[in-house]
């Protein structure tokens, strides 16, 4: 496959990772779909490496750890504004 194909697939993984968080974060609906973030983040990181794009690798790694990032942000929000 070409580098552009890997870039597109990596971007698709990032977008899918963001989309699976929408029910939990925006609509406050407990959806187990967020667990697929770990799959999309890993696959997207691999595609980013194949595409030789540091930006895509970093964004997919951030999405892989998004659960911990969001928990920290929401905990800080609750501590200050709760």
PDB file of N, CA and C in Angstrom:
ATOM      1  N   UNK A   1       0.843  -1.185   0.000  1.00  0.00           N
ATOM      2  CA  UNK A   1       0.000   0.000   0.000  1.00  0.00           C
ATOM      3  C   UNK A   1       0.885   1.243   0.000  1.00  0.00           C
ATOM      4  N   UNK A   2       0.295   2.346  -0.406  1.00  0.00           N
ATOM      5  CA  UNK A   2       1.062   3.582  -0.477  1.00  0.00           C
ATOM      6  C   UNK A   2       1.009   4.329   0.854  1.00  0.00           C
ATOM      7  N   UNK A   3       1.874   5.291   0.977  1.00  0.00           N
ATOM      8  CA  UNK A   3       1.933   6.082   2.210  1.00  0.00           C
ATOM      9  C   UNK A   3       0.641   6.863   2.409  1.00  0.00           C
ATOM     10  N   UNK A   4       0.063   7.359   1.322  1.00  0.00           N
ATOM     11  CA  UNK A   4      -1.197   8.110   1.449  1.00  0.00           C
ATOM     12  C   UNK A   4      -2.322   7.235   1.978  1.00  0.00           C
ATOM     13  N   UNK A   5      -2.343   5.983   1.605  1.00  0.00           N
ATOM     14  CA  UNK A   5      -3.363   5.059   2.112  1.00  0.00           C
ATOM     15  C   UNK A   5      -3.194   4.860   3.611  1.00  0.00           C
ATOM     16  N   UNK A   6      -1.957   4.694   4.059  1.00  0.00           N
ATOM     17  CA  UNK A   6      -1.706   4.549   5.498  1.00  0.00           C
ATOM     18  C   UNK A   6      -2.109   5.805   6.257  1.00  0.00           C
ATOM     19  N   UNK A   7      -1.843   6.973   5.670  1.00  0.00           N
ATOM     20  CA  UNK A   7      -2.246   8.227   6.324  1.00  0.00           C
ATOM     21  C   UNK A   7      -3.757   8.306   6.450  1.00  0.00           C
ATOM     22  N   UNK A   8      -4.461   7.958   5.387  1.00  0.00           N
ATOM     23  CA  UNK A   8      -5.922   8.002   5.433  1.00  0.00           C
ATOM     24  C   UNK A   8      -6.468   7.029   6.469  1.00  0.00           C
ATOM     25  N   UNK A   9      -5.922   5.835   6.510  1.00  0.00           N
ATOM     26  CA  UNK A   9      -6.376   4.851   7.493  1.00  0.00           C
ATOM     27  C   UNK A   9      -6.082   5.305   8.921  1.00  0.00           C
ATOM     28  N   UNK A  10      -4.952   5.948   9.121  1.00  0.00           N
ATOM     29  CA  UNK A  10      -4.613   6.447  10.447  1.00  0.00           C
ATOM     30  C   UNK A  10      -5.567   7.565  10.861  1.00  0.00           C
ATOM     31  N   UNK A  11      -5.904   8.464   9.934  1.00  0.00           N
ATOM     32  CA  UNK A  11      -6.868   9.530  10.232  1.00  0.00           C
ATOM     33  C   UNK A  11      -8.247   8.943  10.526  1.00  0.00           C
ATOM     34  N   UNK A  12      -8.621   7.897   9.799  1.00  0.00           N
ATOM     35  CA  UNK A  12      -9.906   7.251  10.049  1.00  0.00           C
ATOM     36  C   UNK A  12      -9.938   6.664  11.457  1.00  0.00           C
ATOM     37  N   UNK A  13      -8.831   6.078  11.895  1.00  0.00           N
ATOM     38  CA  UNK A  13      -8.762   5.535  13.253  1.00  0.00           C
ATOM     39  C   UNK A  13      -8.898   6.631  14.302  1.00  0.00           C
ATOM     40  N   UNK A  14      -8.301   7.786  14.050  1.00  0.00           N
ATOM     41  CA  UNK A  14      -8.434   8.905  14.989  1.00  0.00           C
ATOM     42  C   UNK A  14      -9.886   9.365  15.056  1.00  0.00           C
ATOM     43  N   UNK A  15     -10.510   9.523  13.898  1.00  0.00           N
ATOM     44  CA  UNK A  15     -11.903   9.967  13.875  1.00  0.00           C
ATOM     45  C   UNK A  15     -12.837   8.957  14.534  1.00  0.00           C
ATOM     46  N   UNK A  16     -12.609   7.676  14.292  1.00  0.00           N
ATOM     47  CA  UNK A  16     -13.425   6.655  14.949  1.00  0.00           C
ATOM     48  C   UNK A  16     -13.223   6.674  16.461  1.00  0.00           C
ATOM     49  N   UNK A  17     -12.004   6.915  16.894  1.00  0.00           N
ATOM     50  CA  UNK A  17     -11.731   6.997  18.335  1.00  0.00           C
ATOM     51  C   UNK A  17     -12.483   8.162  18.966  1.00  0.00           C
ATOM     52  N   UNK A  18     -12.549   9.264  18.262  1.00  0.00           N
ATOM     53  CA  UNK A  18     -13.296  10.419  18.771  1.00  0.00           C
ATOM     54  C   UNK A  18     -14.792  10.135  18.764  1.00  0.00           C
ATOM     55  N   UNK A  19     -15.271   9.505  17.713  1.00  0.00           N
ATOM     56  CA  UNK A  19     -16.706   9.223  17.601  1.00  0.00           C
ATOM     57  C   UNK A  19     -17.218   8.275  18.674  1.00  0.00           C
ATOM     58  N   UNK A  20     -16.415   7.316  19.086  1.00  0.00           N
ATOM     59  CA  UNK A  20     -16.904   6.378  20.102  1.00  0.00           C
ATOM     60  C   UNK A  20     -16.962   7.007  21.492  1.00  0.00           C
ATOM     61  N   UNK A  21     -16.330   8.159  21.695  1.00  0.00           N
ATOM     62  CA  UNK A  21     -16.416   8.857  22.971  1.00  0.00           C
ATOM     63  C   UNK A  21     -17.661   9.735  23.061  1.00  0.00           C
ATOM     64  N   UNK A  22     -18.272  10.072  21.941  1.00  0.00           N
ATOM     65  CA  UNK A  22     -19.394  11.016  21.941  1.00  0.00           C
ATOM     66  C   UNK A  22     -20.554  10.570  22.835  1.00  0.00           C
ATOM     67  N   UNK A  23     -21.010   9.318  22.788  1.00  0.00           N
ATOM     68  CA  UNK A  23     -22.126   8.951  23.691  1.00  0.00           C
ATOM     69  C   UNK A  23     -21.793   9.135  25.172  1.00  0.00           C
ATOM     70  N   UNK A  24     -20.581   8.833  25.573  1.00  0.00           N
ATOM     71  CA  UNK A  24     -20.208   8.937  26.993  1.00  0.00           C
ATOM     72  C   UNK A  24     -20.007  10.380  27.429  1.00  0.00           C
ATOM     73  N   UNK A  25     -19.302  11.152  26.650  1.00  0.00           N
ATOM     74  CA  UNK A  25     -18.930  12.497  27.070  1.00  0.00           C
ATOM     75  C   UNK A  25     -20.034  13.509  26.797  1.00  0.00           C
ATOM     76  N   UNK A  26     -20.588  13.488  25.613  1.00  0.00           N
ATOM     77  CA  UNK A  26     -21.563  14.511  25.231  1.00  0.00           C
ATOM     78  C   UNK A  26     -22.960  14.184  25.748  1.00  0.00           C
ATOM     79  N   UNK A  27     -23.423  12.957  25.504  1.00  0.00           N
ATOM     80  CA  UNK A  27     -24.792  12.602  25.852  1.00  0.00           C
ATOM     81  C   UNK A  27     -24.931  11.969  27.233  1.00  0.00           C
ATOM     82  N   UNK A  28     -23.822  11.740  27.929  1.00  0.00           N
ATOM     83  CA  UNK A  28     -23.835  11.140  29.267  1.00  0.00           C
ATOM     84  C   UNK A  28     -24.550   9.787  29.283  1.00  0.00           C
ATOM     85  N   UNK A  29     -24.359   9.006  28.235  1.00  0.00           N
ATOM     86  CA  UNK A  29     -24.929   7.665  28.137  1.00  0.00           C
ATOM     87  C   UNK A  29     -23.803   6.667  28.327  1.00  0.00           C
ATOM     88  N   UNK A  30     -23.968   5.764  29.270  1.00  0.00           N
ATOM     89  CA  UNK A  30     -22.927   4.777  29.539  1.00  0.00           C
ATOM     90  C   UNK A  30     -22.886   3.754  28.399  1.00  0.00           C
ATOM     91  N   UNK A  31     -21.941   3.947  27.513  1.00  0.00           N
ATOM     92  CA  UNK A  31     -21.808   3.063  26.363  1.00  0.00           C
ATOM     93  C   UNK A  31     -20.455   2.357  26.424  1.00  0.00           C
ATOM     94  N   UNK A  32     -20.445   1.044  26.239  1.00  0.00           N
ATOM     95  CA  UNK A  32     -19.169   0.325  26.267  1.00  0.00           C
ATOM     96  C   UNK A  32     -18.361   0.484  24.986  1.00  0.00           C
ATOM     97  N   UNK A  33     -18.839   1.276  24.051  1.00  0.00           N
ATOM     98  CA  UNK A  33     -18.109   1.478  22.793  1.00  0.00           C
ATOM     99  C   UNK A  33     -16.746   2.133  22.997  1.00  0.00           C
ATOM    100  N   UNK A  34     -16.576   2.867  24.080  1.00  0.00           N
ATOM    101  CA  UNK A  34     -15.315   3.567  24.293  1.00  0.00           C
ATOM    102  C   UNK A  34     -14.148   2.598  24.392  1.00  0.00           C
ATOM    103  N   UNK A  35     -14.425   1.337  24.720  1.00  0.00           N
ATOM    104  CA  UNK A  35     -13.344   0.353  24.818  1.00  0.00           C
ATOM    105  C   UNK A  35     -12.664   0.110  23.469  1.00  0.00           C
ATOM    106  N   UNK A  36     -13.375   0.374  22.385  1.00  0.00           N
ATOM    107  CA  UNK A  36     -12.766   0.207  21.064  1.00  0.00           C
ATOM    108  C   UNK A  36     -11.694   1.266  20.786  1.00  0.00           C
ATOM    109  N   UNK A  37     -11.593   2.277  21.641  1.00  0.00           N
ATOM    110  CA  UNK A  37     -10.538   3.278  21.501  1.00  0.00           C
ATOM    111  C   UNK A  37      -9.164   2.608  21.574  1.00  0.00           C
ATOM    112  N   UNK A  38      -9.042   1.589  22.410  1.00  0.00           N
ATOM    113  CA  UNK A  38      -7.762   0.898  22.523  1.00  0.00           C
ATOM    114  C   UNK A  38      -7.391   0.186  21.221  1.00  0.00           C
ATOM    115  N   UNK A  39      -8.370  -0.362  20.550  1.00  0.00           N
ATOM    116  CA  UNK A  39      -8.105  -1.033  19.270  1.00  0.00           C
ATOM    117  C   UNK A  39      -7.784  -0.006  18.199  1.00  0.00           C
ATOM    118  N   UNK A  40      -8.643   1.021  18.077  1.00  0.00           N
ATOM    119  CA  UNK A  40      -8.423   2.047  17.051  1.00  0.00           C
ATOM    120  C   UNK A  40      -7.113   2.794  17.277  1.00  0.00           C
ATOM    121  N   UNK A  41      -6.784   3.076  18.534  1.00  0.00           N
ATOM    122  CA  UNK A  41      -5.534   3.775  18.831  1.00  0.00           C
ATOM    123  C   UNK A  41      -4.311   2.963  18.453  1.00  0.00           C
ATOM    124  N   UNK A  42      -4.356   1.692  18.739  1.00  0.00           N
ATOM    125  CA  UNK A  42      -3.229   0.822  18.404  1.00  0.00           C
ATOM    126  C   UNK A  42      -3.072   0.664  16.894  1.00  0.00           C
ATOM    127  N   UNK A  43      -4.176   0.367  16.222  1.00  0.00           N
ATOM    128  CA  UNK A  43      -4.138   0.188  14.767  1.00  0.00           C
ATOM    129  C   UNK A  43      -3.734   1.490  14.080  1.00  0.00           C
ATOM    130  N   UNK A  44      -4.278   2.609  14.549  1.00  0.00           N
ATOM    131  CA  UNK A  44      -3.932   3.906  13.976  1.00  0.00           C
ATOM    132  C   UNK A  44      -2.476   4.263  14.185  1.00  0.00           C
ATOM    133  N   UNK A  45      -1.930   3.889  15.325  1.00  0.00           N
ATOM    134  CA  UNK A  45      -0.509   4.126  15.580  1.00  0.00           C
ATOM    135  C   UNK A  45       0.357   3.331  14.615  1.00  0.00           C
ATOM    136  N   UNK A  46      -0.017   2.092  14.384  1.00  0.00           N
ATOM    137  CA  UNK A  46       0.741   1.263  13.440  1.00  0.00           C
ATOM    138  C   UNK A  46       0.670   1.866  12.037  1.00  0.00           C
ATOM    139  N   UNK A  47      -0.523   2.294  11.626  1.00  0.00           N
ATOM    140  CA  UNK A  47      -0.646   2.931  10.312  1.00  0.00           C
ATOM    141  C   UNK A  47       0.144   4.231  10.252  1.00  0.00           C
ATOM    142  N   UNK A  48       0.178   4.974  11.348  1.00  0.00           N
ATOM    143  CA  UNK A  48       0.966   6.205  11.386  1.00  0.00           C
ATOM    144  C   UNK A  48       2.449   5.938  11.251  1.00  0.00           C
ATOM    145  N   UNK A  49       2.917   4.852  11.849  1.00  0.00           N
ATOM    146  CA  UNK A  49       4.325   4.467  11.716  1.00  0.00           C
ATOM    147  C   UNK A  49       4.621   4.087  10.272  1.00  0.00           C
ATOM    148  N   UNK A  50       3.720   3.308   9.659  1.00  0.00           N
ATOM    149  CA  UNK A  50       3.913   2.933   8.264  1.00  0.00           C
ATOM    150  C   UNK A  50       3.894   4.153   7.342  1.00  0.00           C
ATOM    151  N   UNK A  51       3.095   5.166   7.707  1.00  0.00           N
ATOM    152  CA  UNK A  51       3.008   6.388   6.905  1.00  0.00           C
ATOM    153  C   UNK A  51       4.165   7.337   7.190  1.00  0.00           C
ATOM    154  N   UNK A  52       4.964   7.022   8.206  1.00  0.00           N
ATOM    155  CA  UNK A  52       6.105   7.848   8.604  1.00  0.00           C
ATOM    156  C   UNK A  52       5.665   9.264   8.979  1.00  0.00           C
ATOM    157  N   UNK A  53       4.586   9.330   9.741  1.00  0.00           N
ATOM    158  CA  UNK A  53       4.041  10.613  10.167  1.00  0.00           C
ATOM    159  C   UNK A  53       4.033  10.672  11.694  1.00  0.00           C
ATOM    160  N   UNK A  54       4.876  11.546  12.233  1.00  0.00           N
ATOM    161  CA  UNK A  54       4.942  11.683  13.688  1.00  0.00           C
ATOM    162  C   UNK A  54       3.638  12.232  14.259  1.00  0.00           C
ATOM    163  N   UNK A  55       2.996  13.131  13.529  1.00  0.00           N
ATOM    164  CA  UNK A  55       1.743  13.715  14.002  1.00  0.00           C
ATOM    165  C   UNK A  55       0.674  12.648  14.179  1.00  0.00           C
ATOM    166  N   UNK A  56       0.542  11.769  13.198  1.00  0.00           N
ATOM    167  CA  UNK A  56      -0.472  10.719  13.295  1.00  0.00           C
ATOM    168  C   UNK A  56      -0.154   9.732  14.409  1.00  0.00           C
ATOM    169  N   UNK A  57       1.101   9.431  14.605  1.00  0.00           N
ATOM    170  CA  UNK A  57       1.483   8.533  15.699  1.00  0.00           C
ATOM    171  C   UNK A  57       1.139   9.167  17.041  1.00  0.00           C
ATOM    172  N   UNK A  58       1.477  10.431  17.209  1.00  0.00           N
ATOM    173  CA  UNK A  58       1.211  11.122  18.481  1.00  0.00           C
ATOM    174  C   UNK A  58      -0.288  11.224  18.740  1.00  0.00           C
ATOM    175  N   UNK A  59      -1.070  11.588  17.717  1.00  0.00           N
ATOM    176  CA  UNK A  59      -2.516  11.709  17.903  1.00  0.00           C
ATOM    177  C   UNK A  59      -3.164  10.371  18.240  1.00  0.00           C
ATOM    178  N   UNK A  60      -2.711   9.303  17.613  1.00  0.00           N
ATOM    179  CA  UNK A  60      -3.277   7.994  17.915  1.00  0.00           C
ATOM    180  C   UNK A  60      -2.850   7.505  19.296  1.00  0.00           C
ATOM    181  N   UNK A  61      -1.651   7.819  19.724  1.00  0.00           N
ATOM    182  CA  UNK A  61      -1.228   7.454  21.080  1.00  0.00           C
ATOM    183  C   UNK A  61      -2.044   8.231  22.108  1.00  0.00           C
ATOM    184  N   UNK A  62      -2.310   9.498  21.808  1.00  0.00           N
ATOM    185  CA  UNK A  62      -3.163  10.289  22.705  1.00  0.00           C
ATOM    186  C   UNK A  62      -4.553   9.674  22.790  1.00  0.00           C
ATOM    187  N   UNK A  63      -5.088   9.239  21.656  1.00  0.00           N
ATOM    188  CA  UNK A  63      -6.398   8.594  21.677  1.00  0.00           C
ATOM    189  C   UNK A  63      -6.353   7.265  22.419  1.00  0.00           C
ATOM    190  N   UNK A  64      -5.241   6.561  22.348  1.00  0.00           N
ATOM    191  CA  UNK A  64      -5.105   5.310  23.089  1.00  0.00           C
ATOM    192  C   UNK A  64      -5.188   5.571  24.589  1.00  0.00           C
ATOM    193  N   UNK A  65      -4.567   6.653  25.043  1.00  0.00           N
ATOM    194  CA  UNK A  65      -4.582   6.997  26.466  1.00  0.00           C
ATOM    195  C   UNK A  65      -5.696   7.980  26.825  1.00  0.00           C
ATOM    196  N   UNK A  66      -6.672   8.153  25.957  1.00  0.00           N
ATOM    197  CA  UNK A  66      -7.712   9.158  26.173  1.00  0.00           C
ATOM    198  C   UNK A  66      -8.555   8.872  27.412  1.00  0.00           C
ATOM    199  N   UNK A  67      -8.735   7.619  27.771  1.00  0.00           N
ATOM    200  CA  UNK A  67      -9.502   7.314  28.976  1.00  0.00           C
ATOM    201  C   UNK A  67      -8.842   7.949  30.195  1.00  0.00           C
ATOM    202  N   UNK A  68      -7.543   7.775  30.316  1.00  0.00           N
ATOM    203  CA  UNK A  68      -6.819   8.314  31.472  1.00  0.00           C
ATOM    204  C   UNK A  68      -6.762   9.840  31.426  1.00  0.00           C
ATOM    205  N   UNK A  69      -6.636  10.386  30.237  1.00  0.00           N
ATOM    206  CA  UNK A  69      -6.620  11.842  30.084  1.00  0.00           C
ATOM    207  C   UNK A  69      -7.972  12.430  30.480  1.00  0.00           C
ATOM    208  N   UNK A  70      -9.047  11.833  29.978  1.00  0.00           N
ATOM    209  CA  UNK A  70     -10.379  12.342  30.316  1.00  0.00           C
ATOM    210  C   UNK A  70     -10.699  12.167  31.797  1.00  0.00           C
ATOM    211  N   UNK A  71     -10.288  11.066  32.391  1.00  0.00           N
ATOM    212  CA  UNK A  71     -10.513  10.878  33.824  1.00  0.00           C
ATOM    213  C   UNK A  71      -9.790  11.943  34.640  1.00  0.00           C
ATOM    214  N   UNK A  72      -8.570  12.273  34.248  1.00  0.00           N
ATOM    215  CA  UNK A  72      -7.823  13.305  34.957  1.00  0.00           C
ATOM    216  C   UNK A  72      -8.489  14.674  34.797  1.00  0.00           C
ATOM    217  N   UNK A  73      -8.906  14.986  33.589  1.00  0.00           N
ATOM    218  CA  UNK A  73      -9.544  16.286  33.331  1.00  0.00           C
ATOM    219  C   UNK A  73     -10.857  16.389  34.099  1.00  0.00           C
ATOM    220  N   UNK A  74     -11.687  15.358  34.052  1.00  0.00           N
ATOM    221  CA  UNK A  74     -12.962  15.404  34.761  1.00  0.00           C
ATOM    222  C   UNK A  74     -12.776  15.406  36.277  1.00  0.00           C
ATOM    223  N   UNK A  75     -11.759  14.732  36.769  1.00  0.00           N
ATOM    224  CA  UNK A  75     -11.483  14.761  38.210  1.00  0.00           C
ATOM    225  C   UNK A  75     -11.049  16.147  38.653  1.00  0.00           C
ATOM    226  N   UNK A  76     -10.209  16.792  37.863  1.00  0.00           N
ATOM    227  CA  UNK A  76      -9.808  18.160  38.183  1.00  0.00           C
ATOM    228  C   UNK A  76     -10.986  19.114  38.110  1.00  0.00           C
ATOM    229  N   UNK A  77     -11.842  18.930  37.131  1.00  0.00           N
ATOM    230  CA  UNK A  77     -13.026  19.767  37.004  1.00  0.00           C
ATOM    231  C   UNK A  77     -13.928  19.610  38.229  1.00  0.00           C
ATOM    232  N   UNK A  78     -14.153  18.385  38.645  1.00  0.00           N
ATOM    233  CA  UNK A  78     -14.992  18.130  39.819  1.00  0.00           C
ATOM    234  C   UNK A  78     -14.357  18.698  41.095  1.00  0.00           C
ATOM    235  N   UNK A  79     -13.036  18.638  41.183  1.00  0.00           N
ATOM    236  CA  UNK A  79     -12.361  19.128  42.380  1.00  0.00           C
ATOM    237  C   UNK A  79     -12.489  20.654  42.509  1.00  0.00           C
ATOM    238  N   UNK A  80     -12.444  21.349  41.376  1.00  0.00           N
ATOM    239  CA  UNK A  80     -12.485  22.809  41.426  1.00  0.00           C
ATOM    240  C   UNK A  80     -13.894  23.369  41.316  1.00  0.00           C
ATOM    241  N   UNK A  81     -14.745  22.727  40.515  1.00  0.00           N
ATOM    242  CA  UNK A  81     -16.075  23.290  40.263  1.00  0.00           C
ATOM    243  C   UNK A  81     -17.207  22.411  40.765  1.00  0.00           C
ATOM    244  N   UNK A  82     -16.873  21.284  41.374  1.00  0.00           N
ATOM    245  CA  UNK A  82     -17.854  20.294  41.772  1.00  0.00           C
ATOM    246  C   UNK A  82     -18.753  20.718  42.841  1.00  0.00           C
TER     247      UNK A  82
END
